[in-house]
Amino acid sequence: MQKPRARSSPEYLSSRRWTAEQAGQALAALDRSGLTLTAFAIREGLDPQRLGRWRRQLATAAPPVFEEVVPGAPAATADQGAATWAERERFEVVLVSGRVVRVPESFDVGALRRLLAIVEEVRPC
């Protein structure tokens, strides 16, 4: 009977001090896991505060990217023919957290502001 192959552990698990790249790898693994920050840290044997500090540091280090929205310009989709009218007549807001909010072309500005304020406060479960 063959021994199970040892899974190579990520570099961030063995490093005493992280580079920004290693911290990014750890945070990407956290996002993929679907776990809370604390649950992920416990599972991986990491300090939850370390993950939280790096999350804040990397979030502030990367400037937001803006894309010009041109009213009336068709949205570029992979399969334009399959997209419904409602899907073509909207835009997306990508938040710092990585969440995407899809907004119809006609929207209430006040409602959108309230929604974005709530979404940015909510932490993943």
N, C-alpha and C. Protein backbone atom coordinates (compact mmCIF):
# COMPACT_ATOMS: atom_id res chain seq x y z
N MET A 1 0.84 -1.18 0.00
CA MET A 1 0.00 0.00 0.00
C MET A 1 0.89 1.25 0.00
N GLN A 2 0.55 2.19 -0.86
CA GLN A 2 1.34 3.40 -0.97
C GLN A 2 1.01 4.39 0.13
N LYS A 3 2.03 5.11 0.54
CA LYS A 3 1.80 6.18 1.50
C LYS A 3 1.13 7.35 0.79
N PRO A 4 0.23 8.05 1.48
CA PRO A 4 -0.35 9.23 0.85
C PRO A 4 0.74 10.27 0.65
N ARG A 5 0.68 10.96 -0.47
CA ARG A 5 1.68 11.98 -0.77
C ARG A 5 1.48 13.17 0.14
N ALA A 6 2.58 13.64 0.69
CA ALA A 6 2.52 14.81 1.56
C ALA A 6 2.22 16.04 0.72
N ARG A 7 1.25 16.78 1.16
CA ARG A 7 0.89 18.01 0.47
C ARG A 7 1.88 19.09 0.90
N SER A 8 2.47 19.77 -0.06
CA SER A 8 3.43 20.81 0.29
C SER A 8 2.67 21.97 0.93
N SER A 9 3.21 22.43 2.05
CA SER A 9 2.52 23.50 2.76
C SER A 9 2.88 24.84 2.13
N PRO A 10 1.93 25.76 2.15
CA PRO A 10 2.19 27.08 1.58
C PRO A 10 3.35 27.76 2.31
N GLU A 11 4.07 28.59 1.59
CA GLU A 11 5.25 29.27 2.13
C GLU A 11 4.89 30.15 3.33
N TYR A 12 3.70 30.73 3.33
CA TYR A 12 3.32 31.63 4.42
C TYR A 12 3.19 30.89 5.76
N LEU A 13 3.01 29.57 5.72
CA LEU A 13 2.88 28.83 6.97
C LEU A 13 4.22 28.63 7.66
N SER A 14 5.31 28.62 6.87
CA SER A 14 6.62 28.36 7.46
C SER A 14 7.45 29.62 7.68
N SER A 15 6.99 30.75 7.20
CA SER A 15 7.78 31.98 7.33
C SER A 15 7.46 32.70 8.63
N ARG A 16 8.53 33.07 9.32
CA ARG A 16 8.35 33.83 10.56
C ARG A 16 7.87 35.25 10.26
N ARG A 17 8.45 35.85 9.24
CA ARG A 17 8.04 37.19 8.80
C ARG A 17 7.55 37.08 7.37
N TRP A 18 6.40 37.67 7.10
CA TRP A 18 5.81 37.59 5.77
C TRP A 18 6.24 38.75 4.90
N THR A 19 6.40 38.46 3.62
CA THR A 19 6.49 39.51 2.62
C THR A 19 5.05 39.86 2.24
N ALA A 20 4.87 40.94 1.52
CA ALA A 20 3.53 41.31 1.07
C ALA A 20 2.95 40.21 0.18
N GLU A 21 3.79 39.56 -0.61
CA GLU A 21 3.33 38.48 -1.48
C GLU A 21 2.83 37.29 -0.66
N GLN A 22 3.57 36.91 0.39
CA GLN A 22 3.15 35.79 1.23
C GLN A 22 1.85 36.13 1.96
N ALA A 23 1.74 37.36 2.44
CA ALA A 23 0.51 37.78 3.11
C ALA A 23 -0.66 37.73 2.13
N GLY A 24 -0.42 38.16 0.90
CA GLY A 24 -1.46 38.08 -0.13
C GLY A 24 -1.90 36.66 -0.40
N GLN A 25 -0.93 35.73 -0.39
CA GLN A 25 -1.26 34.32 -0.59
C GLN A 25 -2.11 33.80 0.56
N ALA A 26 -1.75 34.19 1.79
CA ALA A 26 -2.52 33.75 2.96
C ALA A 26 -3.93 34.31 2.91
N LEU A 27 -4.07 35.58 2.53
CA LEU A 27 -5.40 36.19 2.46
C LEU A 27 -6.22 35.61 1.32
N ALA A 28 -5.57 35.25 0.22
CA ALA A 28 -6.29 34.59 -0.88
C ALA A 28 -6.78 33.22 -0.43
N ALA A 29 -5.95 32.50 0.33
CA ALA A 29 -6.36 31.19 0.86
C ALA A 29 -7.52 31.36 1.83
N LEU A 30 -7.47 32.42 2.62
CA LEU A 30 -8.58 32.72 3.53
C LEU A 30 -9.86 32.94 2.75
N ASP A 31 -9.81 33.74 1.70
CA ASP A 31 -11.00 34.01 0.88
C ASP A 31 -11.53 32.74 0.24
N ARG A 32 -10.64 31.89 -0.27
CA ARG A 32 -11.07 30.64 -0.92
C ARG A 32 -11.68 29.67 0.09
N SER A 33 -11.24 29.75 1.34
CA SER A 33 -11.70 28.79 2.35
C SER A 33 -13.16 28.97 2.72
N GLY A 34 -13.67 30.20 2.62
CA GLY A 34 -15.04 30.47 3.03
C GLY A 34 -15.19 30.56 4.55
N LEU A 35 -14.09 30.46 5.27
CA LEU A 35 -14.13 30.53 6.73
C LEU A 35 -13.99 31.97 7.21
N THR A 36 -14.34 32.19 8.47
CA THR A 36 -14.07 33.48 9.07
C THR A 36 -12.56 33.60 9.26
N LEU A 37 -12.09 34.82 9.45
CA LEU A 37 -10.67 35.05 9.65
C LEU A 37 -10.17 34.23 10.83
N THR A 38 -10.90 34.26 11.94
CA THR A 38 -10.47 33.53 13.13
C THR A 38 -10.46 32.02 12.91
N ALA A 39 -11.51 31.49 12.30
CA ALA A 39 -11.58 30.05 12.05
C ALA A 39 -10.44 29.60 11.13
N PHE A 40 -10.17 30.39 10.10
CA PHE A 40 -9.08 30.07 9.18
C PHE A 40 -7.74 30.09 9.91
N ALA A 41 -7.51 31.14 10.72
CA ALA A 41 -6.25 31.26 11.46
C ALA A 41 -6.04 30.07 12.38
N ILE A 42 -7.09 29.66 13.09
CA ILE A 42 -6.98 28.51 13.99
C ILE A 42 -6.67 27.25 13.19
N ARG A 43 -7.37 27.05 12.09
CA ARG A 43 -7.14 25.85 11.27
C ARG A 43 -5.70 25.79 10.75
N GLU A 44 -5.15 26.96 10.36
CA GLU A 44 -3.82 26.99 9.77
C GLU A 44 -2.71 27.20 10.80
N GLY A 45 -3.08 27.43 12.07
CA GLY A 45 -2.08 27.66 13.10
C GLY A 45 -1.46 29.04 13.02
N LEU A 46 -2.25 30.02 12.59
CA LEU A 46 -1.78 31.40 12.45
C LEU A 46 -2.40 32.29 13.51
N ASP A 47 -1.81 33.45 13.72
CA ASP A 47 -2.35 34.44 14.64
C ASP A 47 -3.42 35.26 13.90
N PRO A 48 -4.66 35.26 14.38
CA PRO A 48 -5.71 36.03 13.70
C PRO A 48 -5.37 37.52 13.57
N GLN A 49 -4.68 38.07 14.57
CA GLN A 49 -4.32 39.49 14.50
C GLN A 49 -3.34 39.75 13.35
N ARG A 50 -2.47 38.80 13.11
CA ARG A 50 -1.52 38.94 12.01
C ARG A 50 -2.26 39.03 10.68
N LEU A 51 -3.24 38.16 10.49
CA LEU A 51 -4.04 38.20 9.26
C LEU A 51 -4.80 39.51 9.14
N GLY A 52 -5.39 39.94 10.24
CA GLY A 52 -6.15 41.19 10.22
C GLY A 52 -5.27 42.39 9.89
N ARG A 53 -4.08 42.43 10.48
CA ARG A 53 -3.15 43.54 10.18
C ARG A 53 -2.77 43.55 8.71
N TRP A 54 -2.44 42.38 8.18
CA TRP A 54 -2.06 42.33 6.77
C TRP A 54 -3.24 42.67 5.87
N ARG A 55 -4.44 42.25 6.23
CA ARG A 55 -5.62 42.58 5.43
C ARG A 55 -5.78 44.09 5.34
N ARG A 56 -5.66 44.76 6.49
CA ARG A 56 -5.79 46.23 6.50
C ARG A 56 -4.65 46.88 5.73
N GLN A 57 -3.44 46.39 5.94
CA GLN A 57 -2.27 46.98 5.30
C GLN A 57 -2.35 46.84 3.77
N LEU A 58 -2.71 45.68 3.29
CA LEU A 58 -2.78 45.48 1.85
C LEU A 58 -3.96 46.21 1.23
N ALA A 59 -5.05 46.35 1.99
CA ALA A 59 -6.21 47.08 1.47
C ALA A 59 -5.89 48.56 1.28
N THR A 60 -5.09 49.12 2.17
CA THR A 60 -4.74 50.54 2.05
C THR A 60 -3.57 50.74 1.10
N ALA A 61 -2.76 49.71 0.87
CA ALA A 61 -1.59 49.85 0.00
C ALA A 61 -2.00 49.91 -1.47
N ALA A 62 -3.03 49.19 -1.84
CA ALA A 62 -3.45 49.16 -3.24
C ALA A 62 -4.48 50.25 -3.49
N PRO A 63 -4.15 51.21 -4.35
CA PRO A 63 -5.11 52.27 -4.63
C PRO A 63 -6.30 51.71 -5.41
N PRO A 64 -7.47 52.28 -5.20
CA PRO A 64 -8.63 51.78 -5.95
C PRO A 64 -8.45 52.04 -7.45
N VAL A 65 -9.00 51.17 -8.24
CA VAL A 65 -8.93 51.31 -9.68
C VAL A 65 -10.29 51.79 -10.16
N PHE A 66 -10.28 52.82 -10.95
CA PHE A 66 -11.53 53.39 -11.46
C PHE A 66 -11.63 53.15 -12.96
N GLU A 67 -12.84 52.94 -13.40
CA GLU A 67 -13.09 52.76 -14.81
C GLU A 67 -14.15 53.76 -15.22
N GLU A 68 -13.94 54.42 -16.33
CA GLU A 68 -14.90 55.41 -16.80
C GLU A 68 -16.18 54.72 -17.23
N VAL A 69 -17.30 55.28 -16.81
CA VAL A 69 -18.61 54.78 -17.21
C VAL A 69 -19.17 55.77 -18.21
N VAL A 70 -19.43 55.30 -19.42
CA VAL A 70 -19.97 56.16 -20.46
C VAL A 70 -21.44 55.81 -20.64
N PRO A 71 -22.34 56.77 -20.31
CA PRO A 71 -23.77 56.49 -20.48
C PRO A 71 -24.09 56.14 -21.92
N GLY A 72 -24.90 55.11 -22.07
CA GLY A 72 -25.35 54.72 -23.40
C GLY A 72 -24.40 53.78 -24.12
N ALA A 73 -23.19 53.59 -23.60
CA ALA A 73 -22.25 52.68 -24.25
C ALA A 73 -22.62 51.25 -23.88
N PRO A 74 -22.65 50.34 -24.85
CA PRO A 74 -23.01 48.96 -24.53
C PRO A 74 -21.94 48.30 -23.66
N ALA A 75 -22.40 47.48 -22.74
CA ALA A 75 -21.47 46.74 -21.88
C ALA A 75 -20.83 45.64 -22.70
N ALA A 76 -19.55 45.42 -22.47
CA ALA A 76 -18.84 44.35 -23.18
C ALA A 76 -19.04 43.06 -22.44
N THR A 77 -19.61 42.07 -23.10
CA THR A 77 -19.80 40.76 -22.49
C THR A 77 -19.21 39.71 -23.41
N ALA A 78 -18.90 38.55 -22.85
CA ALA A 78 -18.31 37.48 -23.63
C ALA A 78 -19.27 37.02 -24.72
N ASP A 79 -20.56 36.92 -24.39
CA ASP A 79 -21.56 36.47 -25.35
C ASP A 79 -22.67 37.51 -25.39
N GLN A 80 -22.49 38.53 -26.18
CA GLN A 80 -23.43 39.65 -26.22
C GLN A 80 -24.82 39.19 -26.64
N GLY A 81 -24.90 38.19 -27.53
CA GLY A 81 -26.20 37.75 -28.01
C GLY A 81 -27.03 37.09 -26.92
N ALA A 82 -26.40 36.43 -25.96
CA ALA A 82 -27.13 35.72 -24.91
C ALA A 82 -27.53 36.64 -23.76
N ALA A 83 -26.94 37.83 -23.68
CA ALA A 83 -27.23 38.73 -22.57
C ALA A 83 -28.62 39.33 -22.75
N THR A 84 -29.36 39.39 -21.66
CA THR A 84 -30.67 40.01 -21.71
C THR A 84 -30.51 41.52 -21.68
N TRP A 85 -31.58 42.22 -21.99
CA TRP A 85 -31.55 43.68 -21.96
C TRP A 85 -31.16 44.17 -20.58
N ALA A 86 -31.70 43.55 -19.53
CA ALA A 86 -31.40 43.98 -18.16
C ALA A 86 -29.92 43.80 -17.84
N GLU A 87 -29.31 42.74 -18.35
CA GLU A 87 -27.89 42.51 -18.08
C GLU A 87 -27.01 43.52 -18.81
N ARG A 88 -27.43 43.97 -19.99
CA ARG A 88 -26.63 44.94 -20.73
C ARG A 88 -26.80 46.35 -20.18
N GLU A 89 -27.92 46.63 -19.57
CA GLU A 89 -28.22 47.99 -19.11
C GLU A 89 -27.93 48.14 -17.62
N ARG A 90 -26.72 47.81 -17.21
CA ARG A 90 -26.32 47.97 -15.82
C ARG A 90 -24.82 48.18 -15.75
N PHE A 91 -24.35 48.52 -14.58
CA PHE A 91 -22.92 48.60 -14.37
C PHE A 91 -22.60 47.94 -13.05
N GLU A 92 -21.33 47.68 -12.84
CA GLU A 92 -20.90 46.99 -11.63
C GLU A 92 -19.99 47.89 -10.82
N VAL A 93 -20.14 47.81 -9.50
CA VAL A 93 -19.26 48.51 -8.58
C VAL A 93 -18.48 47.43 -7.84
N VAL A 94 -17.15 47.44 -7.97
CA VAL A 94 -16.32 46.48 -7.27
C VAL A 94 -15.76 47.18 -6.04
N LEU A 95 -16.11 46.66 -4.87
CA LEU A 95 -15.72 47.27 -3.61
C LEU A 95 -14.33 46.80 -3.20
N VAL A 96 -13.73 47.51 -2.27
CA VAL A 96 -12.39 47.16 -1.78
C VAL A 96 -12.35 45.73 -1.27
N SER A 97 -13.44 45.28 -0.67
CA SER A 97 -13.52 43.93 -0.13
C SER A 97 -13.55 42.87 -1.22
N GLY A 98 -13.73 43.30 -2.48
CA GLY A 98 -13.83 42.36 -3.58
C GLY A 98 -15.27 42.03 -3.95
N ARG A 99 -16.21 42.47 -3.14
CA ARG A 99 -17.62 42.25 -3.45
C ARG A 99 -18.00 43.07 -4.68
N VAL A 100 -18.92 42.53 -5.47
CA VAL A 100 -19.37 43.22 -6.67
C VAL A 100 -20.85 43.55 -6.50
N VAL A 101 -21.19 44.81 -6.73
CA VAL A 101 -22.59 45.25 -6.66
C VAL A 101 -23.00 45.60 -8.08
N ARG A 102 -24.01 44.93 -8.58
CA ARG A 102 -24.52 45.21 -9.93
C ARG A 102 -25.69 46.19 -9.80
N VAL A 103 -25.60 47.27 -10.55
CA VAL A 103 -26.57 48.35 -10.42
C VAL A 103 -27.23 48.58 -11.77
N PRO A 104 -28.57 48.65 -11.80
CA PRO A 104 -29.23 48.95 -13.08
C PRO A 104 -28.94 50.39 -13.49
N GLU A 105 -29.09 50.65 -14.78
CA GLU A 105 -28.78 52.00 -15.27
C GLU A 105 -29.63 53.05 -14.57
N SER A 106 -30.90 52.74 -14.35
CA SER A 106 -31.75 53.69 -13.62
C SER A 106 -31.79 53.22 -12.17
N PHE A 107 -31.25 54.04 -11.27
CA PHE A 107 -31.18 53.66 -9.87
C PHE A 107 -31.38 54.89 -9.00
N ASP A 108 -31.75 54.65 -7.74
CA ASP A 108 -31.92 55.71 -6.76
C ASP A 108 -30.58 55.93 -6.06
N VAL A 109 -30.02 57.13 -6.20
CA VAL A 109 -28.70 57.42 -5.66
C VAL A 109 -28.66 57.22 -4.15
N GLY A 110 -29.68 57.68 -3.44
CA GLY A 110 -29.73 57.54 -1.99
C GLY A 110 -29.76 56.08 -1.56
N ALA A 111 -30.55 55.28 -2.27
CA ALA A 111 -30.64 53.86 -1.95
C ALA A 111 -29.30 53.17 -2.21
N LEU A 112 -28.64 53.54 -3.30
CA LEU A 112 -27.33 52.95 -3.60
C LEU A 112 -26.31 53.31 -2.53
N ARG A 113 -26.31 54.57 -2.08
CA ARG A 113 -25.38 54.98 -1.01
C ARG A 113 -25.62 54.18 0.26
N ARG A 114 -26.89 54.00 0.64
CA ARG A 114 -27.21 53.23 1.85
C ARG A 114 -26.76 51.77 1.69
N LEU A 115 -27.02 51.20 0.52
CA LEU A 115 -26.63 49.82 0.26
C LEU A 115 -25.12 49.65 0.35
N LEU A 116 -24.36 50.55 -0.28
CA LEU A 116 -22.90 50.44 -0.25
C LEU A 116 -22.36 50.61 1.15
N ALA A 117 -22.95 51.51 1.93
CA ALA A 117 -22.51 51.69 3.32
C ALA A 117 -22.72 50.41 4.12
N ILE A 118 -23.85 49.75 3.91
CA ILE A 118 -24.13 48.50 4.63
C ILE A 118 -23.20 47.39 4.17
N VAL A 119 -23.01 47.24 2.87
CA VAL A 119 -22.18 46.17 2.33
C VAL A 119 -20.74 46.32 2.78
N GLU A 120 -20.21 47.53 2.84
CA GLU A 120 -18.83 47.73 3.25
C GLU A 120 -18.64 47.44 4.73
N GLU A 121 -19.70 47.55 5.54
CA GLU A 121 -19.59 47.26 6.97
C GLU A 121 -19.66 45.78 7.25
N VAL A 122 -20.33 45.00 6.40
CA VAL A 122 -20.55 43.58 6.64
C VAL A 122 -19.26 42.82 6.40
N ARG A 123 -18.90 41.97 7.34
CA ARG A 123 -17.72 41.12 7.23
C ARG A 123 -18.18 39.72 6.83
N PRO A 124 -17.37 38.98 6.08
CA PRO A 124 -17.75 37.64 5.71
C PRO A 124 -17.96 36.76 6.94
N CYS A 125 -18.90 35.87 6.84
CA CYS A 125 -19.19 34.96 7.96
C CYS A 125 -18.24 33.81 7.97
